[in-house]
Amino acid sequence: MTEDEKTPDGRPSSVTGRPQSAIPGVLLTFLSRFEDPRGWLDELFRSDTLEAADMKDAKPVMGYLSMTRPGVARGPHEHRDQTDLLAFAGPSDFEVTLWDNRTGSPTFGRRETFVLGASYPATLIVPPGIVHAYRNIGDVDGWVLNFPNRLYKGPGRTGPVDEIRHEENPQSRYKVEMD
């Protein structure tokens, strides 16, 4: 594994200068909040953004919302074929960790960590072969929206689940550090 990419104060490097992930195929986009007297709106994804990034295959085919309690982690896991389009908009913050597990990738073995959510609203596109996990580091329940490009268990929920669940393997080199 390579060193985490973070700033000295612990913020993700992507926040200070807004660079993107250095892992090929990963797209980190900070949300633009549009506010008016009624409240606010964040665009989570746009097909023209995916096309401009040459990520047409990442177009969502379903969506779901999950809630994660403070201090709880989900993952690490990866997909063989599925691309996840994750939206972290709040109301909590998540420490998100990615590991490039694609043997032919120029960044194979690289690990990156970002803080995303209420403080840094963003979407994160995670392609197949990228191990990913997130942990709620806030004090309130946190929401994550996912818009994957594959149906869970395929049409009619009759196919196999496209996941390699590293958290179930105590010998896994992919670990989420808990405080």
N, C-alpha and C. Protein backbone atom coordinates (compact mmCIF):
# COMPACT_ATOMS: atom_id res chain seq x y z
N MET A 1 0.84 -1.19 0.00
CA MET A 1 0.00 0.00 0.00
C MET A 1 0.88 1.25 0.00
N THR A 2 0.39 2.25 -0.63
CA THR A 2 1.13 3.50 -0.63
C THR A 2 0.58 4.40 0.46
N GLU A 3 1.24 5.48 0.66
CA GLU A 3 0.85 6.45 1.70
C GLU A 3 -0.47 7.11 1.35
N ASP A 4 -1.29 7.38 2.36
CA ASP A 4 -2.52 8.14 2.16
C ASP A 4 -2.19 9.51 1.61
N GLU A 5 -3.07 10.01 0.78
CA GLU A 5 -2.92 11.36 0.25
C GLU A 5 -3.80 12.28 1.08
N LYS A 6 -3.21 13.01 2.02
CA LYS A 6 -3.92 13.96 2.87
C LYS A 6 -3.04 15.18 3.07
N THR A 7 -3.67 16.28 3.45
CA THR A 7 -2.90 17.47 3.81
C THR A 7 -2.41 17.30 5.24
N PRO A 8 -1.42 18.11 5.68
CA PRO A 8 -0.90 17.97 7.04
C PRO A 8 -1.97 18.13 8.12
N ASP A 9 -3.02 18.91 7.86
CA ASP A 9 -4.04 19.10 8.89
C ASP A 9 -5.11 18.02 8.84
N GLY A 10 -4.90 16.98 8.02
CA GLY A 10 -5.83 15.86 7.99
C GLY A 10 -6.93 15.99 6.96
N ARG A 11 -7.05 17.17 6.33
CA ARG A 11 -8.06 17.32 5.29
C ARG A 11 -7.59 16.61 4.04
N PRO A 12 -8.52 16.11 3.23
CA PRO A 12 -8.09 15.45 2.00
C PRO A 12 -7.42 16.45 1.07
N SER A 13 -6.42 15.98 0.33
CA SER A 13 -5.71 16.86 -0.59
C SER A 13 -6.66 17.46 -1.61
N SER A 14 -7.77 16.77 -1.88
CA SER A 14 -8.72 17.24 -2.88
C SER A 14 -9.44 18.51 -2.46
N VAL A 15 -9.41 18.85 -1.18
CA VAL A 15 -10.14 20.03 -0.72
C VAL A 15 -9.29 21.29 -0.85
N THR A 16 -7.99 21.20 -0.60
CA THR A 16 -7.17 22.40 -0.58
C THR A 16 -7.04 23.03 -1.94
N GLY A 17 -6.76 22.28 -2.98
CA GLY A 17 -6.63 22.83 -4.31
C GLY A 17 -7.67 22.26 -5.25
N ARG A 18 -8.53 21.45 -4.74
CA ARG A 18 -9.57 20.76 -5.49
C ARG A 18 -9.06 19.88 -6.63
N PRO A 19 -7.86 19.26 -6.48
CA PRO A 19 -7.47 18.30 -7.52
C PRO A 19 -8.34 17.05 -7.41
N GLN A 20 -8.32 16.26 -8.44
CA GLN A 20 -9.10 15.02 -8.45
C GLN A 20 -8.25 13.89 -7.89
N SER A 21 -8.88 12.76 -7.72
CA SER A 21 -8.17 11.56 -7.32
C SER A 21 -7.09 11.26 -8.35
N ALA A 22 -5.98 10.70 -7.90
CA ALA A 22 -4.91 10.31 -8.80
C ALA A 22 -5.10 8.90 -9.34
N ILE A 23 -6.15 8.21 -8.89
CA ILE A 23 -6.41 6.85 -9.35
C ILE A 23 -7.21 6.92 -10.65
N PRO A 24 -6.68 6.36 -11.75
CA PRO A 24 -7.41 6.41 -13.02
C PRO A 24 -8.79 5.79 -12.91
N GLY A 25 -9.77 6.46 -13.49
CA GLY A 25 -11.15 5.98 -13.49
C GLY A 25 -11.99 6.48 -12.33
N VAL A 26 -11.35 7.02 -11.29
CA VAL A 26 -12.07 7.59 -10.16
C VAL A 26 -12.33 9.06 -10.47
N LEU A 27 -13.55 9.51 -10.26
CA LEU A 27 -13.90 10.91 -10.49
C LEU A 27 -14.50 11.48 -9.21
N LEU A 28 -13.84 12.49 -8.66
CA LEU A 28 -14.31 13.18 -7.46
C LEU A 28 -14.77 14.56 -7.89
N THR A 29 -16.04 14.87 -7.62
CA THR A 29 -16.62 16.14 -8.02
C THR A 29 -17.27 16.79 -6.80
N PHE A 30 -16.79 17.97 -6.43
CA PHE A 30 -17.40 18.67 -5.31
C PHE A 30 -18.69 19.31 -5.78
N LEU A 31 -19.71 19.21 -4.95
CA LEU A 31 -21.04 19.67 -5.33
C LEU A 31 -21.12 21.19 -5.30
N SER A 32 -21.91 21.71 -6.21
CA SER A 32 -22.22 23.14 -6.23
C SER A 32 -23.60 23.32 -5.61
N ARG A 33 -23.65 24.01 -4.53
CA ARG A 33 -24.91 24.21 -3.82
C ARG A 33 -25.59 25.46 -4.36
N PHE A 34 -26.84 25.31 -4.73
CA PHE A 34 -27.66 26.41 -5.19
C PHE A 34 -28.68 26.71 -4.10
N GLU A 35 -28.59 27.91 -3.52
CA GLU A 35 -29.46 28.28 -2.39
C GLU A 35 -30.41 29.40 -2.78
N ASP A 36 -31.58 29.35 -2.18
CA ASP A 36 -32.54 30.45 -2.28
C ASP A 36 -33.34 30.46 -0.97
N PRO A 37 -34.30 31.34 -0.81
CA PRO A 37 -35.02 31.43 0.47
C PRO A 37 -35.73 30.14 0.90
N ARG A 38 -36.00 29.24 -0.05
CA ARG A 38 -36.70 27.99 0.29
C ARG A 38 -35.77 26.94 0.87
N GLY A 39 -34.46 27.06 0.59
CA GLY A 39 -33.50 26.04 1.02
C GLY A 39 -32.38 25.93 0.01
N TRP A 40 -31.94 24.70 -0.28
CA TRP A 40 -30.82 24.51 -1.21
C TRP A 40 -31.04 23.28 -2.07
N LEU A 41 -30.22 23.19 -3.13
CA LEU A 41 -30.26 22.07 -4.05
C LEU A 41 -28.83 21.77 -4.48
N ASP A 42 -28.46 20.48 -4.47
CA ASP A 42 -27.17 20.03 -4.98
C ASP A 42 -27.44 19.11 -6.17
N GLU A 43 -26.81 19.36 -7.31
CA GLU A 43 -26.87 18.43 -8.43
C GLU A 43 -25.91 17.29 -8.13
N LEU A 44 -26.44 16.06 -8.04
CA LEU A 44 -25.61 14.92 -7.69
C LEU A 44 -24.86 14.35 -8.88
N PHE A 45 -25.50 14.32 -10.04
CA PHE A 45 -24.81 13.92 -11.25
C PHE A 45 -25.57 14.45 -12.45
N ARG A 46 -24.85 14.56 -13.56
CA ARG A 46 -25.44 14.99 -14.83
C ARG A 46 -24.84 14.10 -15.92
N SER A 47 -25.65 13.69 -16.85
CA SER A 47 -25.14 12.83 -17.91
C SER A 47 -24.08 13.56 -18.74
N ASP A 48 -24.21 14.89 -18.93
CA ASP A 48 -23.21 15.60 -19.72
C ASP A 48 -21.85 15.65 -19.00
N THR A 49 -21.86 15.64 -17.68
CA THR A 49 -20.60 15.58 -16.92
C THR A 49 -19.94 14.22 -17.11
N LEU A 50 -20.75 13.15 -17.04
CA LEU A 50 -20.21 11.80 -17.25
C LEU A 50 -19.65 11.66 -18.66
N GLU A 51 -20.36 12.20 -19.64
CA GLU A 51 -19.89 12.11 -21.03
C GLU A 51 -18.60 12.91 -21.22
N ALA A 52 -18.52 14.10 -20.63
CA ALA A 52 -17.32 14.93 -20.76
C ALA A 52 -16.11 14.26 -20.12
N ALA A 53 -16.34 13.46 -19.08
CA ALA A 53 -15.25 12.74 -18.40
C ALA A 53 -15.00 11.38 -19.05
N ASP A 54 -15.64 11.12 -20.19
CA ASP A 54 -15.54 9.85 -20.90
C ASP A 54 -15.93 8.69 -19.98
N MET A 55 -17.04 8.89 -19.24
CA MET A 55 -17.53 7.89 -18.30
C MET A 55 -18.98 7.51 -18.61
N LYS A 56 -19.30 7.38 -19.89
CA LYS A 56 -20.67 7.04 -20.29
C LYS A 56 -21.13 5.72 -19.66
N ASP A 57 -20.19 4.79 -19.46
CA ASP A 57 -20.55 3.49 -18.89
C ASP A 57 -20.91 3.58 -17.41
N ALA A 58 -20.69 4.73 -16.79
CA ALA A 58 -21.02 4.91 -15.37
C ALA A 58 -22.45 5.40 -15.17
N LYS A 59 -23.22 5.54 -16.24
CA LYS A 59 -24.59 6.06 -16.10
C LYS A 59 -25.41 5.16 -15.18
N PRO A 60 -26.07 5.76 -14.20
CA PRO A 60 -26.86 4.99 -13.24
C PRO A 60 -28.05 4.27 -13.86
N VAL A 61 -28.37 3.10 -13.29
CA VAL A 61 -29.57 2.36 -13.68
C VAL A 61 -30.49 2.15 -12.49
N MET A 62 -30.05 2.51 -11.32
CA MET A 62 -30.88 2.44 -10.12
C MET A 62 -30.29 3.41 -9.09
N GLY A 63 -30.99 3.63 -8.00
CA GLY A 63 -30.48 4.49 -6.95
C GLY A 63 -31.01 4.03 -5.60
N TYR A 64 -30.21 4.28 -4.57
CA TYR A 64 -30.68 3.98 -3.22
C TYR A 64 -29.99 4.91 -2.23
N LEU A 65 -30.61 5.04 -1.08
CA LEU A 65 -30.14 5.86 0.03
C LEU A 65 -29.85 4.93 1.19
N SER A 66 -28.67 5.09 1.81
CA SER A 66 -28.37 4.33 3.02
C SER A 66 -28.05 5.30 4.15
N MET A 67 -28.30 4.85 5.37
CA MET A 67 -27.99 5.64 6.56
C MET A 67 -26.95 4.87 7.36
N THR A 68 -25.93 5.58 7.83
CA THR A 68 -24.87 4.97 8.62
C THR A 68 -24.73 5.74 9.93
N ARG A 69 -24.74 5.03 11.02
CA ARG A 69 -24.66 5.65 12.34
C ARG A 69 -23.23 6.15 12.62
N PRO A 70 -23.09 7.13 13.52
CA PRO A 70 -21.76 7.65 13.86
C PRO A 70 -20.82 6.53 14.32
N GLY A 71 -19.58 6.58 13.82
CA GLY A 71 -18.56 5.60 14.20
C GLY A 71 -18.62 4.29 13.44
N VAL A 72 -19.64 4.10 12.61
CA VAL A 72 -19.82 2.84 11.90
C VAL A 72 -19.18 2.94 10.51
N ALA A 73 -18.56 1.83 10.08
CA ALA A 73 -17.94 1.75 8.75
C ALA A 73 -18.73 0.79 7.88
N ARG A 74 -18.71 1.06 6.59
CA ARG A 74 -19.25 0.14 5.57
C ARG A 74 -18.10 -0.18 4.62
N GLY A 75 -17.91 -1.46 4.36
CA GLY A 75 -16.80 -1.89 3.52
C GLY A 75 -15.62 -2.21 4.42
N PRO A 76 -14.51 -2.49 3.79
CA PRO A 76 -14.15 -2.33 2.40
C PRO A 76 -14.66 -3.48 1.53
N HIS A 77 -15.11 -3.10 0.33
CA HIS A 77 -15.51 -4.07 -0.67
C HIS A 77 -15.21 -3.49 -2.05
N GLU A 78 -15.32 -4.35 -3.06
CA GLU A 78 -15.12 -3.90 -4.44
C GLU A 78 -16.10 -4.65 -5.33
N HIS A 79 -16.21 -4.18 -6.55
CA HIS A 79 -17.09 -4.81 -7.53
C HIS A 79 -16.25 -5.29 -8.72
N ARG A 80 -16.70 -6.39 -9.33
CA ARG A 80 -16.05 -6.91 -10.53
C ARG A 80 -16.46 -6.11 -11.77
N ASP A 81 -17.75 -5.75 -11.86
CA ASP A 81 -18.30 -5.09 -13.05
C ASP A 81 -18.98 -3.77 -12.75
N GLN A 82 -19.43 -3.56 -11.56
CA GLN A 82 -20.25 -2.40 -11.22
C GLN A 82 -19.42 -1.16 -10.94
N THR A 83 -19.91 -0.02 -11.42
CA THR A 83 -19.37 1.28 -11.06
C THR A 83 -20.35 1.93 -10.10
N ASP A 84 -19.87 2.42 -8.97
CA ASP A 84 -20.71 3.14 -8.01
C ASP A 84 -20.57 4.63 -8.23
N LEU A 85 -21.68 5.33 -8.19
CA LEU A 85 -21.68 6.80 -8.20
C LEU A 85 -22.25 7.19 -6.84
N LEU A 86 -21.37 7.48 -5.90
CA LEU A 86 -21.73 7.76 -4.51
C LEU A 86 -21.86 9.26 -4.29
N ALA A 87 -22.89 9.66 -3.57
CA ALA A 87 -23.09 11.08 -3.23
C ALA A 87 -23.05 11.23 -1.72
N PHE A 88 -22.13 12.07 -1.27
CA PHE A 88 -21.96 12.39 0.15
C PHE A 88 -22.32 13.86 0.31
N ALA A 89 -23.53 14.15 0.78
CA ALA A 89 -23.98 15.55 0.88
C ALA A 89 -24.30 15.96 2.31
N GLY A 90 -24.22 15.06 3.26
CA GLY A 90 -24.54 15.36 4.64
C GLY A 90 -25.69 14.49 5.10
N PRO A 91 -26.18 14.62 6.26
CA PRO A 91 -25.90 15.64 7.25
C PRO A 91 -24.68 15.36 8.12
N SER A 92 -23.88 14.35 7.78
CA SER A 92 -22.69 14.03 8.56
C SER A 92 -21.48 14.03 7.63
N ASP A 93 -20.31 13.78 8.19
CA ASP A 93 -19.08 13.65 7.41
C ASP A 93 -18.64 12.19 7.43
N PHE A 94 -18.02 11.78 6.32
CA PHE A 94 -17.51 10.42 6.17
C PHE A 94 -16.04 10.47 5.80
N GLU A 95 -15.27 9.57 6.39
CA GLU A 95 -13.92 9.33 5.92
C GLU A 95 -14.04 8.21 4.88
N VAL A 96 -13.67 8.53 3.65
CA VAL A 96 -13.80 7.61 2.53
C VAL A 96 -12.40 7.16 2.11
N THR A 97 -12.21 5.85 2.03
CA THR A 97 -10.91 5.31 1.64
C THR A 97 -11.06 4.48 0.38
N LEU A 98 -10.13 4.70 -0.56
CA LEU A 98 -10.07 3.95 -1.81
C LEU A 98 -8.72 3.26 -1.91
N TRP A 99 -8.72 2.04 -2.44
CA TRP A 99 -7.49 1.30 -2.73
C TRP A 99 -7.59 0.82 -4.17
N ASP A 100 -6.59 1.06 -4.98
CA ASP A 100 -6.59 0.58 -6.36
C ASP A 100 -6.11 -0.87 -6.35
N ASN A 101 -7.02 -1.80 -6.66
CA ASN A 101 -6.72 -3.23 -6.65
C ASN A 101 -6.67 -3.81 -8.07
N ARG A 102 -6.48 -2.95 -9.06
CA ARG A 102 -6.43 -3.39 -10.46
C ARG A 102 -4.97 -3.62 -10.84
N THR A 103 -4.60 -4.88 -11.03
CA THR A 103 -3.19 -5.23 -11.24
C THR A 103 -2.56 -4.52 -12.44
N GLY A 104 -3.30 -4.19 -13.47
CA GLY A 104 -2.74 -3.51 -14.63
C GLY A 104 -2.72 -2.00 -14.52
N SER A 105 -3.20 -1.46 -13.42
CA SER A 105 -3.31 -0.01 -13.26
C SER A 105 -1.96 0.60 -12.89
N PRO A 106 -1.66 1.80 -13.41
CA PRO A 106 -0.42 2.47 -13.01
C PRO A 106 -0.41 2.88 -11.53
N THR A 107 -1.58 2.88 -10.90
CA THR A 107 -1.64 3.23 -9.48
C THR A 107 -2.02 2.03 -8.61
N PHE A 108 -1.76 0.81 -9.12
CA PHE A 108 -2.06 -0.40 -8.36
C PHE A 108 -1.44 -0.29 -6.96
N GLY A 109 -2.26 -0.58 -5.93
CA GLY A 109 -1.79 -0.52 -4.54
C GLY A 109 -1.94 0.83 -3.88
N ARG A 110 -2.25 1.86 -4.63
CA ARG A 110 -2.39 3.21 -4.06
C ARG A 110 -3.63 3.27 -3.16
N ARG A 111 -3.47 3.97 -2.07
CA ARG A 111 -4.59 4.23 -1.15
C ARG A 111 -4.78 5.73 -1.04
N GLU A 112 -6.04 6.16 -1.11
CA GLU A 112 -6.39 7.57 -0.93
C GLU A 112 -7.50 7.67 0.10
N THR A 113 -7.46 8.73 0.88
CA THR A 113 -8.48 8.98 1.89
C THR A 113 -9.00 10.39 1.73
N PHE A 114 -10.32 10.52 1.78
CA PHE A 114 -10.98 11.82 1.66
C PHE A 114 -11.99 11.97 2.78
N VAL A 115 -12.24 13.20 3.20
CA VAL A 115 -13.37 13.50 4.08
C VAL A 115 -14.42 14.16 3.19
N LEU A 116 -15.58 13.50 3.10
CA LEU A 116 -16.66 13.98 2.25
C LEU A 116 -17.96 13.97 3.04
N GLY A 117 -18.87 14.86 2.72
CA GLY A 117 -20.17 14.90 3.37
C GLY A 117 -20.59 16.32 3.66
N ALA A 118 -21.05 16.57 4.87
CA ALA A 118 -21.56 17.90 5.23
C ALA A 118 -20.51 18.99 5.05
N SER A 119 -19.28 18.72 5.43
CA SER A 119 -18.22 19.72 5.31
C SER A 119 -17.72 19.89 3.88
N TYR A 120 -17.70 18.80 3.13
CA TYR A 120 -17.19 18.80 1.76
C TYR A 120 -18.14 17.96 0.89
N PRO A 121 -19.32 18.50 0.53
CA PRO A 121 -20.27 17.73 -0.27
C PRO A 121 -19.67 17.37 -1.63
N ALA A 122 -19.81 16.09 -1.99
CA ALA A 122 -19.18 15.63 -3.23
C ALA A 122 -19.84 14.36 -3.73
N THR A 123 -19.62 14.10 -5.02
CA THR A 123 -19.93 12.80 -5.57
C THR A 123 -18.60 12.12 -5.90
N LEU A 124 -18.62 10.81 -5.86
CA LEU A 124 -17.42 10.02 -6.08
C LEU A 124 -17.80 8.84 -6.96
N ILE A 125 -17.19 8.76 -8.13
CA ILE A 125 -17.41 7.62 -9.02
C ILE A 125 -16.30 6.62 -8.78
N VAL A 126 -16.70 5.39 -8.43
CA VAL A 126 -15.75 4.33 -8.08
C VAL A 126 -15.92 3.19 -9.09
N PRO A 127 -14.93 3.00 -9.98
CA PRO A 127 -15.05 1.94 -10.99
C PRO A 127 -14.75 0.56 -10.43
N PRO A 128 -15.04 -0.49 -11.21
CA PRO A 128 -14.72 -1.85 -10.78
C PRO A 128 -13.23 -1.98 -10.46
N GLY A 129 -12.94 -2.80 -9.44
CA GLY A 129 -11.55 -3.05 -9.07
C GLY A 129 -10.98 -2.06 -8.07
N ILE A 130 -11.75 -1.04 -7.72
CA ILE A 130 -11.31 -0.10 -6.69
C ILE A 130 -12.01 -0.50 -5.39
N VAL A 131 -11.23 -0.93 -4.42
CA VAL A 131 -11.77 -1.28 -3.11
C VAL A 131 -12.15 0.03 -2.44
N HIS A 132 -13.34 0.07 -1.83
CA HIS A 132 -13.80 1.30 -1.20
C HIS A 132 -14.52 1.02 0.11
N ALA A 133 -14.38 1.99 1.01
CA ALA A 133 -15.02 1.92 2.32
C ALA A 133 -15.28 3.33 2.79
N TYR A 134 -16.27 3.47 3.66
CA TYR A 134 -16.48 4.77 4.29
C TYR A 134 -16.94 4.57 5.72
N ARG A 135 -16.56 5.54 6.55
CA ARG A 135 -16.89 5.50 7.98
C ARG A 135 -17.47 6.85 8.37
N ASN A 136 -18.59 6.82 9.09
CA ASN A 136 -19.22 8.06 9.56
C ASN A 136 -18.37 8.61 10.71
N ILE A 137 -17.73 9.76 10.47
CA ILE A 137 -16.88 10.37 11.49
C ILE A 137 -17.57 11.55 12.17
N GLY A 138 -18.84 11.73 11.87
CA GLY A 138 -19.60 12.81 12.49
C GLY A 138 -20.32 12.36 13.74
N ASP A 139 -21.14 13.26 14.27
CA ASP A 139 -21.89 12.99 15.51
C ASP A 139 -23.35 12.65 15.26
N VAL A 140 -23.77 12.65 13.99
CA VAL A 140 -25.16 12.36 13.65
C VAL A 140 -25.21 11.27 12.59
N ASP A 141 -26.37 10.64 12.45
CA ASP A 141 -26.54 9.66 11.39
C ASP A 141 -26.22 10.33 10.06
N GLY A 142 -25.54 9.60 9.19
CA GLY A 142 -25.15 10.14 7.88
C GLY A 142 -25.81 9.39 6.75
N TRP A 143 -26.07 10.10 5.67
CA TRP A 143 -26.71 9.53 4.49
C TRP A 143 -25.72 9.44 3.35
N VAL A 144 -25.79 8.35 2.62
CA VAL A 144 -25.03 8.18 1.39
C VAL A 144 -26.01 7.70 0.33
N LEU A 145 -25.98 8.37 -0.81
CA LEU A 145 -26.79 7.95 -1.94
C LEU A 145 -25.88 7.23 -2.92
N ASN A 146 -26.38 6.15 -3.51
CA ASN A 146 -25.60 5.42 -4.51
C ASN A 146 -26.46 5.25 -5.75
N PHE A 147 -25.86 5.53 -6.90
CA PHE A 147 -26.51 5.39 -8.19
C PHE A 147 -25.63 4.50 -9.06
N PRO A 148 -25.62 3.18 -8.81
CA PRO A 148 -24.74 2.29 -9.56
C PRO A 148 -25.21 2.11 -11.01
N ASN A 149 -24.29 1.64 -11.83
CA ASN A 149 -24.60 1.41 -13.24
C ASN A 149 -25.05 -0.02 -13.52
N ARG A 150 -25.23 -0.82 -12.47
CA ARG A 150 -25.73 -2.18 -12.59
C ARG A 150 -26.86 -2.38 -11.58
N LEU A 151 -27.83 -3.20 -11.96
CA LEU A 151 -28.91 -3.53 -11.03
C LEU A 151 -28.40 -4.50 -9.97
N TYR A 152 -28.77 -4.25 -8.71
CA TYR A 152 -28.40 -5.16 -7.63
C TYR A 152 -29.02 -6.52 -7.92
N LYS A 153 -28.21 -7.56 -7.97
CA LYS A 153 -28.62 -8.93 -8.28
C LYS A 153 -29.25 -9.07 -9.65
N GLY A 154 -29.04 -8.10 -10.54
CA GLY A 154 -29.52 -8.19 -11.93
C GLY A 154 -31.02 -8.01 -12.05
N PRO A 155 -31.52 -8.11 -13.28
CA PRO A 155 -32.96 -7.95 -13.52
C PRO A 155 -33.77 -8.94 -12.68
N GLY A 156 -34.79 -8.43 -12.01
CA GLY A 156 -35.65 -9.27 -11.17
C GLY A 156 -34.98 -9.78 -9.91
N ARG A 157 -33.82 -9.24 -9.58
CA ARG A 157 -33.04 -9.66 -8.39
C ARG A 157 -32.79 -11.18 -8.39
N THR A 158 -32.45 -11.72 -9.56
CA THR A 158 -32.25 -13.17 -9.67
C THR A 158 -30.81 -13.55 -9.96
N GLY A 159 -29.92 -12.60 -10.11
CA GLY A 159 -28.53 -12.90 -10.45
C GLY A 159 -27.62 -12.86 -9.24
N PRO A 160 -26.34 -13.08 -9.46
CA PRO A 160 -25.37 -13.02 -8.36
C PRO A 160 -25.12 -11.57 -7.93
N VAL A 161 -24.67 -11.41 -6.71
CA VAL A 161 -24.30 -10.09 -6.19
C VAL A 161 -22.86 -9.82 -6.63
N ASP A 162 -22.63 -8.65 -7.20
CA ASP A 162 -21.31 -8.27 -7.71
C ASP A 162 -20.52 -7.56 -6.60
N GLU A 163 -20.05 -8.33 -5.62
CA GLU A 163 -19.26 -7.75 -4.53
C GLU A 163 -18.20 -8.73 -4.07
N ILE A 164 -17.05 -8.18 -3.77
CA ILE A 164 -16.01 -8.92 -3.06
C ILE A 164 -15.89 -8.20 -1.72
N ARG A 165 -16.32 -8.85 -0.66
CA ARG A 165 -16.44 -8.22 0.66
C ARG A 165 -15.17 -8.48 1.47
N HIS A 166 -14.24 -7.54 1.40
CA HIS A 166 -12.98 -7.69 2.12
C HIS A 166 -13.14 -7.58 3.64
N GLU A 167 -14.19 -6.93 4.10
CA GLU A 167 -14.37 -6.80 5.55
C GLU A 167 -14.67 -8.13 6.21
N GLU A 168 -15.06 -9.12 5.43
CA GLU A 168 -15.34 -10.45 5.99
C GLU A 168 -14.09 -11.31 6.11
N ASN A 169 -12.96 -10.82 5.62
CA ASN A 169 -11.71 -11.57 5.66
C ASN A 169 -10.77 -10.94 6.69
N PRO A 170 -10.53 -11.61 7.83
CA PRO A 170 -9.67 -11.02 8.86
C PRO A 170 -8.21 -10.84 8.39
N GLN A 171 -7.80 -11.53 7.34
CA GLN A 171 -6.44 -11.42 6.81
C GLN A 171 -6.33 -10.36 5.70
N SER A 172 -7.42 -9.69 5.39
CA SER A 172 -7.42 -8.72 4.30
C SER A 172 -6.44 -7.58 4.57
N ARG A 173 -5.77 -7.14 3.52
CA ARG A 173 -4.88 -5.99 3.64
C ARG A 173 -5.66 -4.67 3.60
N TYR A 174 -6.95 -4.75 3.32
CA TYR A 174 -7.79 -3.56 3.26
C TYR A 174 -8.51 -3.41 4.60
N LYS A 175 -8.11 -2.42 5.35
CA LYS A 175 -8.66 -2.20 6.69
C LYS A 175 -9.13 -0.77 6.85
N VAL A 176 -10.25 -0.61 7.53
CA VAL A 176 -10.74 0.71 7.90
C VAL A 176 -10.28 0.94 9.33
N GLU A 177 -9.50 2.00 9.52
CA GLU A 177 -9.00 2.29 10.86
C GLU A 177 -10.10 2.93 11.68
N MET A 178 -10.35 2.34 12.84
CA MET A 178 -11.37 2.85 13.75
C MET A 178 -10.66 3.62 14.87
N ASP A 179 -11.28 4.71 15.31
CA ASP A 179 -10.69 5.51 16.41
C ASP A 179 -10.82 4.80 17.73
